[in-house]
Structures are given as C-alpha cells and as structure tokens.
Amino acid sequence: MNRIKTKSIYFLRLLRNIFVLIGIFFSICVLLALTSAPFWGYYWLGTSKSELNEKPTTIVLLGGGGMPSQSALMRSWYVEKASKSFPDANIIVAMPGDLTDSLSTPVLMKKELEIRGIDASKIGFENEGTNTRSQALNCQRIIKMQSPILLVTSPEHMRRAVLSFRKAGFEKVNALPAFENATEADLSFDDDKLGGRKTVVPDVGKSINMRYQLWNHLKYEILIARETAALSYYRIRGWI
C-alpha cells in the first residue's frame, strides 16, 4: 500500500513539474512574441538564401497546400510577377498529384496560372516528389543542371529549398520568397463608439500589437520551430 502511495506521489510531482515547464515555456513564447524577434527570424528564413543573380530560364513553383490555399495562391501570385519579369522562362509546377484528374492540386495550380495570363504551353509539371529533397532530385530530369532557375515558395521554406536544390547539383539557384504584404489601412477603432456591453476588460481598439502582432508572432514562432527541425533533419541526412 505504501509503495503504491509513494509511486502516486512521485507521479504527481512529475506531472506538476511537467506543467510548470509547459507554463514557463508558454510564458517565454508569449513574451518573445511581444518583441520583433519572431519576425526577424521568419524574415531571415525567407531572405538568407534569396539571391537573384541571373536571369532564370525556368521558374520552379514549389507546391504547398491544396488548391485553393493561402500558400498555393500566394506562390502563384509571385510566379505571375516573376513570369512577367522573365517572359522567356518556362514554369515547372512541383506538386504531387494525378495529372489526369482535372481537380487535382497541380492541375488546378496550372489553371490558376493560366487565369493570371500565363501561356499554358510554358507550364510543365514535376508531380512525383513528395518533399523538397525528392522534388529537387526529380527536377534533374526536367531542367539542365547548369541552367539558372528561380524557386518560388513560402518564406519559411525558402532556405531549405535553395540548399536542397544546390545539394542536388543545380549550379545557379535564384529564389523569390512569397512574403505577404501588410495592409496600409489604419485598423484602429474606438471600442465605445461601437456600442455593446460595457465591461472591465480593457479596450483593444487602439492596440494593433495586441490584436494582430502578438498572434502573428506566435504563428511565426511555430513556423520557425518547425523549419528549424526540418533543416536539422535535412542536415543530418545530408540533403542540404
């Protein structure tokens, strides 16, 4: 009986310590989100390898989520801009999917590019790679290794993408991170002028940091943590 009681005490202490550590970790994340550090970490992932040194002959659109999704539409928007800047460049949509299915993600991504005015004859596919490493290897069969390419992907994924394509043997890798643009409008408001119930909760209408920046920075922290883990794994496997 005493042994069971002792084990229960140890278990409760362990559980308490775990919750304390979780609380400390969460508090650090929130405090860090109140600074500019998460943004600059996210910005570094997107720009540290984002060079544009040569005119690309091929633009590689690295697929993200399904279609439509924020990542796919953002990347398509940037590919349109890149295609207008480099009208002679071909486009490769690197996204796994069934090309015979008109509703598959790679086919829908091509349709999105066509809607944006890109000639369908310039768009090809790499539809077998299921991660950045395999996409880079598969592109070897489509693109000449010595040809300058332009990768378009989300900012947090850009560093790993460039390093993966370089490791696969591509000699001239340019990059265009698909950053979001902040709205130019003033989003502040006067809480009391909007009516409703009076409460003891402080007004938040004038606090853009509390309403948007804090949550965006927490999201950046998650993206940075995930990408750091992915970069570490790729480094261990020798893929970058």
C-alpha atoms as a PDB file:
ATOM      1  CA  MET A   1       0.000   0.000   0.000  1.00  0.00           C
ATOM      2  CA  ASN A   2       2.820   2.389   0.928  1.00  0.00           C
ATOM      3  CA  ARG A   3       4.606   1.515  -2.305  1.00  0.00           C
ATOM      4  CA  ILE A   4       1.515   2.455  -4.322  1.00  0.00           C
ATOM      5  CA  LYS A   5       1.180   5.691  -2.351  1.00  0.00           C
ATOM      6  CA  THR A   6       4.852   6.526  -2.941  1.00  0.00           C
ATOM      7  CA  LYS A   7       4.505   5.904  -6.677  1.00  0.00           C
ATOM      8  CA  SER A   8       1.429   8.131  -6.772  1.00  0.00           C
ATOM      9  CA  ILE A   9       3.331  10.937  -5.038  1.00  0.00           C
ATOM     10  CA  TYR A  10       6.239  10.650  -7.490  1.00  0.00           C
ATOM     11  CA  PHE A  11       3.817  10.646 -10.404  1.00  0.00           C
ATOM     12  CA  LEU A  12       2.019  13.750  -9.149  1.00  0.00           C
ATOM     13  CA  ARG A  13       5.324  15.543  -8.615  1.00  0.00           C
ATOM     14  CA  LEU A  14       6.440  14.608 -12.114  1.00  0.00           C
ATOM     15  CA  LEU A  15       3.120  15.803 -13.518  1.00  0.00           C
ATOM     16  CA  ARG A  16       3.414  19.064 -11.592  1.00  0.00           C
ATOM     17  CA  ASN A  17       6.944  19.649 -12.885  1.00  0.00           C
ATOM     18  CA  ILE A  18       5.815  18.967 -16.438  1.00  0.00           C
ATOM     19  CA  PHE A  19       3.010  21.522 -16.145  1.00  0.00           C
ATOM     20  CA  VAL A  20       5.408  24.058 -14.599  1.00  0.00           C
ATOM     21  CA  LEU A  21       7.825  23.605 -17.512  1.00  0.00           C
ATOM     22  CA  ILE A  22       4.970  23.947 -20.006  1.00  0.00           C
ATOM     23  CA  GLY A  23       3.862  27.146 -18.263  1.00  0.00           C
ATOM     24  CA  ILE A  24       7.381  28.575 -18.334  1.00  0.00           C
ATOM     25  CA  PHE A  25       7.801  27.653 -21.995  1.00  0.00           C
ATOM     26  CA  PHE A  26       4.452  29.211 -22.931  1.00  0.00           C
ATOM     27  CA  SER A  27       5.269  32.387 -20.984  1.00  0.00           C
ATOM     28  CA  ILE A  28       8.603  32.708 -22.795  1.00  0.00           C
ATOM     29  CA  CYS A  29       6.838  32.268 -26.148  1.00  0.00           C
ATOM     30  CA  VAL A  30       4.302  34.994 -25.323  1.00  0.00           C
ATOM     31  CA  LEU A  31       6.974  37.395 -24.076  1.00  0.00           C
ATOM     32  CA  LEU A  32       9.076  36.724 -27.163  1.00  0.00           C
ATOM     33  CA  ALA A  33       6.024  37.374 -29.344  1.00  0.00           C
ATOM     34  CA  LEU A  34       5.818  40.875 -27.891  1.00  0.00           C
ATOM     35  CA  THR A  35       9.220  41.640 -29.437  1.00  0.00           C
ATOM     36  CA  SER A  36      10.303  41.831 -33.073  1.00  0.00           C
ATOM     37  CA  ALA A  37      12.496  38.716 -32.813  1.00  0.00           C
ATOM     38  CA  PRO A  38       9.966  36.263 -34.353  1.00  0.00           C
ATOM     39  CA  PHE A  39       9.502  38.494 -37.397  1.00  0.00           C
ATOM     40  CA  TRP A  40      13.228  38.808 -37.993  1.00  0.00           C
ATOM     41  CA  GLY A  41      13.663  35.054 -37.614  1.00  0.00           C
ATOM     42  CA  TYR A  42      10.935  34.475 -40.185  1.00  0.00           C
ATOM     43  CA  TYR A  43      12.433  37.160 -42.422  1.00  0.00           C
ATOM     44  CA  TRP A  44      15.865  35.536 -42.200  1.00  0.00           C
ATOM     45  CA  LEU A  45      14.495  32.171 -43.318  1.00  0.00           C
ATOM     46  CA  GLY A  46      12.972  33.863 -46.346  1.00  0.00           C
ATOM     47  CA  THR A  47      15.882  36.079 -47.367  1.00  0.00           C
ATOM     48  CA  SER A  48      19.138  34.457 -46.201  1.00  0.00           C
ATOM     49  CA  LYS A  49      19.425  32.489 -49.470  1.00  0.00           C
ATOM     50  CA  SER A  50      17.128  34.583 -51.668  1.00  0.00           C
ATOM     51  CA  GLU A  51      19.511  35.855 -54.298  1.00  0.00           C
ATOM     52  CA  LEU A  52      18.617  36.878 -57.836  1.00  0.00           C
ATOM     53  CA  ASN A  53      21.931  36.907 -59.641  1.00  0.00           C
ATOM     54  CA  GLU A  54      20.982  35.671 -63.107  1.00  0.00           C
ATOM     55  CA  LYS A  55      18.055  35.719 -65.474  1.00  0.00           C
ATOM     56  CA  PRO A  56      16.301  32.364 -64.935  1.00  0.00           C
ATOM     57  CA  THR A  57      15.390  30.053 -67.781  1.00  0.00           C
ATOM     58  CA  THR A  58      12.987  28.087 -65.546  1.00  0.00           C
ATOM     59  CA  ILE A  59      10.724  29.196 -62.700  1.00  0.00           C
ATOM     60  CA  VAL A  60      10.006  26.377 -60.241  1.00  0.00           C
ATOM     61  CA  LEU A  61       6.773  26.785 -58.290  1.00  0.00           C
ATOM     62  CA  LEU A  62       7.127  24.579 -55.219  1.00  0.00           C
ATOM     63  CA  GLY A  63       3.703  23.429 -54.123  1.00  0.00           C
ATOM     64  CA  GLY A  64       2.481  23.884 -50.576  1.00  0.00           C
ATOM     65  CA  GLY A  65      -1.088  23.224 -49.505  1.00  0.00           C
ATOM     66  CA  GLY A  66      -4.053  22.187 -51.599  1.00  0.00           C
ATOM     67  CA  MET A  67      -5.827  24.397 -54.060  1.00  0.00           C
ATOM     68  CA  PRO A  68      -7.103  26.839 -53.089  1.00  0.00           C
ATOM     69  CA  SER A  69      -4.965  27.539 -50.045  1.00  0.00           C
ATOM     70  CA  GLN A  70      -3.062  30.532 -48.758  1.00  0.00           C
ATOM     71  CA  SER A  71       0.345  29.096 -49.666  1.00  0.00           C
ATOM     72  CA  ALA A  72      -0.645  27.922 -53.153  1.00  0.00           C
ATOM     73  CA  LEU A  73      -2.342  31.196 -54.090  1.00  0.00           C
ATOM     74  CA  MET A  74       0.467  33.337 -52.679  1.00  0.00           C
ATOM     75  CA  ARG A  75       3.091  31.376 -54.592  1.00  0.00           C
ATOM     76  CA  SER A  76       1.013  31.548 -57.779  1.00  0.00           C
ATOM     77  CA  TRP A  77       0.740  35.322 -57.412  1.00  0.00           C
ATOM     78  CA  TYR A  78       4.523  35.618 -57.176  1.00  0.00           C
ATOM     79  CA  VAL A  79       5.048  33.273 -60.120  1.00  0.00           C
ATOM     80  CA  GLU A  80       2.851  35.547 -62.213  1.00  0.00           C
ATOM     81  CA  LYS A  81       5.032  38.529 -61.296  1.00  0.00           C
ATOM     82  CA  ALA A  82       8.205  36.548 -61.995  1.00  0.00           C
ATOM     83  CA  SER A  83       6.867  35.363 -65.346  1.00  0.00           C
ATOM     84  CA  LYS A  84       6.179  38.942 -66.405  1.00  0.00           C
ATOM     85  CA  SER A  85       9.713  39.924 -65.381  1.00  0.00           C
ATOM     86  CA  PHE A  86      11.197  36.935 -67.224  1.00  0.00           C
ATOM     87  CA  PRO A  87       8.800  36.244 -70.125  1.00  0.00           C
ATOM     88  CA  ASP A  88      11.112  33.706 -71.786  1.00  0.00           C
ATOM     89  CA  ALA A  89      11.286  31.463 -68.720  1.00  0.00           C
ATOM     90  CA  ASN A  90       9.381  28.195 -68.579  1.00  0.00           C
ATOM     91  CA  ILE A  91       7.462  27.226 -65.432  1.00  0.00           C
ATOM     92  CA  ILE A  92       7.541  23.930 -63.565  1.00  0.00           C
ATOM     93  CA  VAL A  93       4.787  23.227 -61.041  1.00  0.00           C
ATOM     94  CA  ALA A  94       6.390  20.917 -58.466  1.00  0.00           C
ATOM     95  CA  MET A  95       3.416  19.396 -56.697  1.00  0.00           C
ATOM     96  CA  PRO A  96       2.430  15.719 -56.367  1.00  0.00           C
ATOM     97  CA  GLY A  97      -0.891  14.743 -57.896  1.00  0.00           C
ATOM     98  CA  ASP A  98      -2.727  12.962 -60.700  1.00  0.00           C
ATOM     99  CA  LEU A  99      -2.365  14.984 -63.902  1.00  0.00           C
ATOM    100  CA  THR A 100      -5.303  13.129 -65.475  1.00  0.00           C
ATOM    101  CA  ASP A 101      -7.611  14.435 -62.737  1.00  0.00           C
ATOM    102  CA  SER A 102      -8.884  17.910 -63.586  1.00  0.00           C
ATOM    103  CA  LEU A 103      -9.459  18.596 -59.878  1.00  0.00           C
ATOM    104  CA  SER A 104      -6.008  17.564 -58.658  1.00  0.00           C
ATOM    105  CA  THR A 105      -3.875  20.216 -56.999  1.00  0.00           C
ATOM    106  CA  PRO A 106      -1.145  20.503 -59.679  1.00  0.00           C
ATOM    107  CA  VAL A 107      -3.737  20.803 -62.458  1.00  0.00           C
ATOM    108  CA  LEU A 108      -5.648  23.454 -60.504  1.00  0.00           C
ATOM    109  CA  MET A 109      -2.398  25.332 -59.884  1.00  0.00           C
ATOM    110  CA  LYS A 110      -1.759  25.357 -63.623  1.00  0.00           C
ATOM    111  CA  LYS A 111      -5.283  26.665 -64.225  1.00  0.00           C
ATOM    112  CA  GLU A 112      -4.647  29.421 -61.680  1.00  0.00           C
ATOM    113  CA  LEU A 113      -1.519  30.465 -63.556  1.00  0.00           C
ATOM    114  CA  GLU A 114      -3.470  30.459 -66.833  1.00  0.00           C
ATOM    115  CA  ILE A 115      -6.123  32.693 -65.250  1.00  0.00           C
ATOM    116  CA  ARG A 116      -3.275  35.064 -64.369  1.00  0.00           C
ATOM    117  CA  GLY A 117      -2.338  35.292 -68.046  1.00  0.00           C
ATOM    118  CA  ILE A 118       0.486  32.757 -68.304  1.00  0.00           C
ATOM    119  CA  ASP A 119       0.633  30.745 -71.528  1.00  0.00           C
ATOM    120  CA  ALA A 120      -0.268  27.099 -70.848  1.00  0.00           C
ATOM    121  CA  SER A 121       2.438  25.906 -73.242  1.00  0.00           C
ATOM    122  CA  LYS A 122       5.084  27.317 -70.877  1.00  0.00           C
ATOM    123  CA  ILE A 123       3.852  25.317 -67.864  1.00  0.00           C
ATOM    124  CA  GLY A 124       5.176  21.843 -67.065  1.00  0.00           C
ATOM    125  CA  PHE A 125       4.979  19.544 -64.062  1.00  0.00           C
ATOM    126  CA  GLU A 126       7.062  17.643 -61.550  1.00  0.00           C
ATOM    127  CA  ASN A 127       4.247  15.716 -59.927  1.00  0.00           C
ATOM    128  CA  GLU A 128       6.019  12.872 -58.128  1.00  0.00           C
ATOM    129  CA  GLY A 129       8.166  14.498 -55.439  1.00  0.00           C
ATOM    130  CA  THR A 130       6.560  14.474 -52.004  1.00  0.00           C
ATOM    131  CA  ASN A 131       9.157  16.546 -50.161  1.00  0.00           C
ATOM    132  CA  THR A 132      11.716  19.200 -51.075  1.00  0.00           C
ATOM    133  CA  ARG A 133      14.549  16.686 -51.482  1.00  0.00           C
ATOM    134  CA  SER A 134      12.641  14.453 -53.899  1.00  0.00           C
ATOM    135  CA  GLN A 135      11.360  17.461 -55.847  1.00  0.00           C
ATOM    136  CA  ALA A 136      14.923  18.689 -56.318  1.00  0.00           C
ATOM    137  CA  LEU A 137      16.089  15.256 -57.478  1.00  0.00           C
ATOM    138  CA  ASN A 138      13.164  14.833 -59.855  1.00  0.00           C
ATOM    139  CA  CYS A 139      13.751  18.259 -61.383  1.00  0.00           C
ATOM    140  CA  GLN A 140      17.130  16.943 -62.556  1.00  0.00           C
ATOM    141  CA  ARG A 141      15.246  15.040 -65.265  1.00  0.00           C
ATOM    142  CA  ILE A 142      13.425  18.155 -66.436  1.00  0.00           C
ATOM    143  CA  ILE A 143      15.875  21.037 -66.083  1.00  0.00           C
ATOM    144  CA  LYS A 144      19.502  21.246 -67.139  1.00  0.00           C
ATOM    145  CA  MET A 145      21.700  21.407 -64.072  1.00  0.00           C
ATOM    146  CA  GLN A 146      23.716  24.338 -65.447  1.00  0.00           C
ATOM    147  CA  SER A 147      20.632  26.417 -66.274  1.00  0.00           C
ATOM    148  CA  PRO A 148      19.686  29.265 -63.887  1.00  0.00           C
ATOM    149  CA  ILE A 149      16.438  28.549 -62.077  1.00  0.00           C
ATOM    150  CA  LEU A 150      14.169  30.635 -59.875  1.00  0.00           C
ATOM    151  CA  LEU A 151      12.485  28.950 -56.901  1.00  0.00           C
ATOM    152  CA  VAL A 152       9.190  30.367 -55.647  1.00  0.00           C
ATOM    153  CA  THR A 153       7.962  29.177 -52.277  1.00  0.00           C
ATOM    154  CA  SER A 154       6.860  30.414 -48.857  1.00  0.00           C
ATOM    155  CA  PRO A 155       9.435  32.431 -46.865  1.00  0.00           C
ATOM    156  CA  GLU A 156       9.890  29.874 -44.081  1.00  0.00           C
ATOM    157  CA  HIS A 157      10.588  27.157 -46.662  1.00  0.00           C
ATOM    158  CA  MET A 158      12.954  29.157 -48.867  1.00  0.00           C
ATOM    159  CA  ARG A 159      16.296  28.474 -47.169  1.00  0.00           C
ATOM    160  CA  ARG A 160      15.730  24.702 -47.160  1.00  0.00           C
ATOM    161  CA  ALA A 161      14.535  24.769 -50.773  1.00  0.00           C
ATOM    162  CA  VAL A 162      17.607  26.613 -52.058  1.00  0.00           C
ATOM    163  CA  LEU A 163      20.011  24.408 -50.124  1.00  0.00           C
ATOM    164  CA  SER A 164      18.214  21.254 -51.307  1.00  0.00           C
ATOM    165  CA  PHE A 165      18.407  22.217 -54.979  1.00  0.00           C
ATOM    166  CA  ARG A 166      22.060  23.183 -54.638  1.00  0.00           C
ATOM    167  CA  LYS A 167      22.812  19.862 -52.946  1.00  0.00           C
ATOM    168  CA  ALA A 168      21.022  18.064 -55.800  1.00  0.00           C
ATOM    169  CA  GLY A 169      23.513  19.637 -58.207  1.00  0.00           C
ATOM    170  CA  PHE A 170      21.823  22.757 -59.548  1.00  0.00           C
ATOM    171  CA  GLU A 171      24.539  25.351 -60.031  1.00  0.00           C
ATOM    172  CA  LYS A 172      22.568  28.578 -60.415  1.00  0.00           C
ATOM    173  CA  VAL A 173      19.710  28.730 -57.915  1.00  0.00           C
ATOM    174  CA  ASN A 174      17.824  32.005 -57.545  1.00  0.00           C
ATOM    175  CA  ALA A 175      14.963  32.486 -55.107  1.00  0.00           C
ATOM    176  CA  LEU A 176      11.799  34.563 -54.717  1.00  0.00           C
ATOM    177  CA  PRO A 177      10.108  34.227 -51.288  1.00  0.00           C
ATOM    178  CA  ALA A 178       6.335  34.688 -51.314  1.00  0.00           C
ATOM    179  CA  PHE A 179       6.020  37.203 -48.485  1.00  0.00           C
ATOM    180  CA  GLU A 180       2.642  38.607 -47.518  1.00  0.00           C
ATOM    181  CA  ASN A 181       2.166  42.371 -47.686  1.00  0.00           C
ATOM    182  CA  ALA A 182       0.758  44.150 -44.658  1.00  0.00           C
ATOM    183  CA  THR A 183      -2.339  46.272 -45.195  1.00  0.00           C
ATOM    184  CA  GLU A 184      -1.707  50.001 -45.437  1.00  0.00           C
ATOM    185  CA  ALA A 185      -5.009  50.893 -43.723  1.00  0.00           C
ATOM    186  CA  ASP A 186      -5.256  52.086 -40.120  1.00  0.00           C
ATOM    187  CA  LEU A 187      -7.165  49.271 -38.395  1.00  0.00           C
ATOM    188  CA  SER A 188      -7.637  51.018 -35.057  1.00  0.00           C
ATOM    189  CA  PHE A 189     -11.094  51.816 -33.707  1.00  0.00           C
ATOM    190  CA  ASP A 190     -12.819  53.276 -30.656  1.00  0.00           C
ATOM    191  CA  ASP A 191     -14.436  50.433 -28.697  1.00  0.00           C
ATOM    192  CA  ASP A 192     -17.027  52.650 -27.002  1.00  0.00           C
ATOM    193  CA  LYS A 193     -18.272  54.099 -30.282  1.00  0.00           C
ATOM    194  CA  LEU A 194     -19.242  50.615 -31.461  1.00  0.00           C
ATOM    195  CA  GLY A 195     -21.762  50.189 -28.646  1.00  0.00           C
ATOM    196  CA  GLY A 196     -22.342  46.857 -26.961  1.00  0.00           C
ATOM    197  CA  ARG A 197     -21.815  45.960 -23.310  1.00  0.00           C
ATOM    198  CA  LYS A 198     -19.550  47.944 -21.006  1.00  0.00           C
ATOM    199  CA  THR A 199     -17.024  45.643 -19.308  1.00  0.00           C
ATOM    200  CA  VAL A 200     -13.965  45.848 -17.093  1.00  0.00           C
ATOM    201  CA  VAL A 201     -11.907  44.346 -19.932  1.00  0.00           C
ATOM    202  CA  PRO A 202      -9.526  46.998 -21.333  1.00  0.00           C
ATOM    203  CA  ASP A 203     -10.322  48.429 -24.761  1.00  0.00           C
ATOM    204  CA  VAL A 204      -8.241  46.882 -27.545  1.00  0.00           C
ATOM    205  CA  GLY A 205      -9.298  49.033 -30.494  1.00  0.00           C
ATOM    206  CA  LYS A 206      -6.137  51.149 -30.428  1.00  0.00           C
ATOM    207  CA  SER A 207      -3.783  48.237 -29.716  1.00  0.00           C
ATOM    208  CA  ILE A 208      -2.692  46.791 -33.061  1.00  0.00           C
ATOM    209  CA  ASN A 209       0.039  44.835 -31.282  1.00  0.00           C
ATOM    210  CA  MET A 210      -2.439  43.023 -29.071  1.00  0.00           C
ATOM    211  CA  ARG A 211      -4.980  42.364 -31.826  1.00  0.00           C
ATOM    212  CA  TYR A 212      -2.637  41.269 -34.608  1.00  0.00           C
ATOM    213  CA  GLN A 213       1.109  41.398 -33.966  1.00  0.00           C
ATOM    214  CA  LEU A 214       1.111  39.107 -30.915  1.00  0.00           C
ATOM    215  CA  TRP A 215      -0.793  36.375 -32.761  1.00  0.00           C
ATOM    216  CA  ASN A 216       1.222  36.753 -35.960  1.00  0.00           C
ATOM    217  CA  HIS A 217       4.449  36.465 -33.994  1.00  0.00           C
ATOM    218  CA  LEU A 218       3.209  33.347 -32.200  1.00  0.00           C
ATOM    219  CA  LYS A 219       2.480  31.880 -35.636  1.00  0.00           C
ATOM    220  CA  TYR A 220       5.982  32.827 -36.783  1.00  0.00           C
ATOM    221  CA  GLU A 221       7.444  31.062 -33.741  1.00  0.00           C
ATOM    222  CA  ILE A 222       5.671  27.845 -34.723  1.00  0.00           C
ATOM    223  CA  LEU A 223       6.858  28.161 -38.329  1.00  0.00           C
ATOM    224  CA  ILE A 224      10.429  28.843 -37.204  1.00  0.00           C
ATOM    225  CA  ALA A 225      10.397  25.873 -34.801  1.00  0.00           C
ATOM    226  CA  ARG A 226       9.053  23.526 -37.465  1.00  0.00           C
ATOM    227  CA  GLU A 227      11.510  24.742 -40.102  1.00  0.00           C
ATOM    228  CA  THR A 228      14.444  24.532 -37.687  1.00  0.00           C
ATOM    229  CA  ALA A 229      13.560  20.885 -37.054  1.00  0.00           C
ATOM    230  CA  ALA A 230      13.262  20.257 -40.812  1.00  0.00           C
ATOM    231  CA  LEU A 231      16.599  21.936 -41.540  1.00  0.00           C
ATOM    232  CA  SER A 232      18.261  19.889 -38.810  1.00  0.00           C
ATOM    233  CA  TYR A 233      16.845  16.642 -40.226  1.00  0.00           C
ATOM    234  CA  TYR A 234      17.899  17.551 -43.761  1.00  0.00           C
ATOM    235  CA  ARG A 235      21.378  18.388 -42.470  1.00  0.00           C
ATOM    236  CA  ILE A 236      21.680  15.071 -40.636  1.00  0.00           C
ATOM    237  CA  ARG A 237      20.545  13.148 -43.728  1.00  0.00           C
ATOM    238  CA  GLY A 238      22.984  15.047 -45.947  1.00  0.00           C
ATOM    239  CA  TRP A 239      20.210  16.520 -48.092  1.00  0.00           C
ATOM    240  CA  ILE A 240      21.489  20.075 -47.652  1.00  0.00           C
END
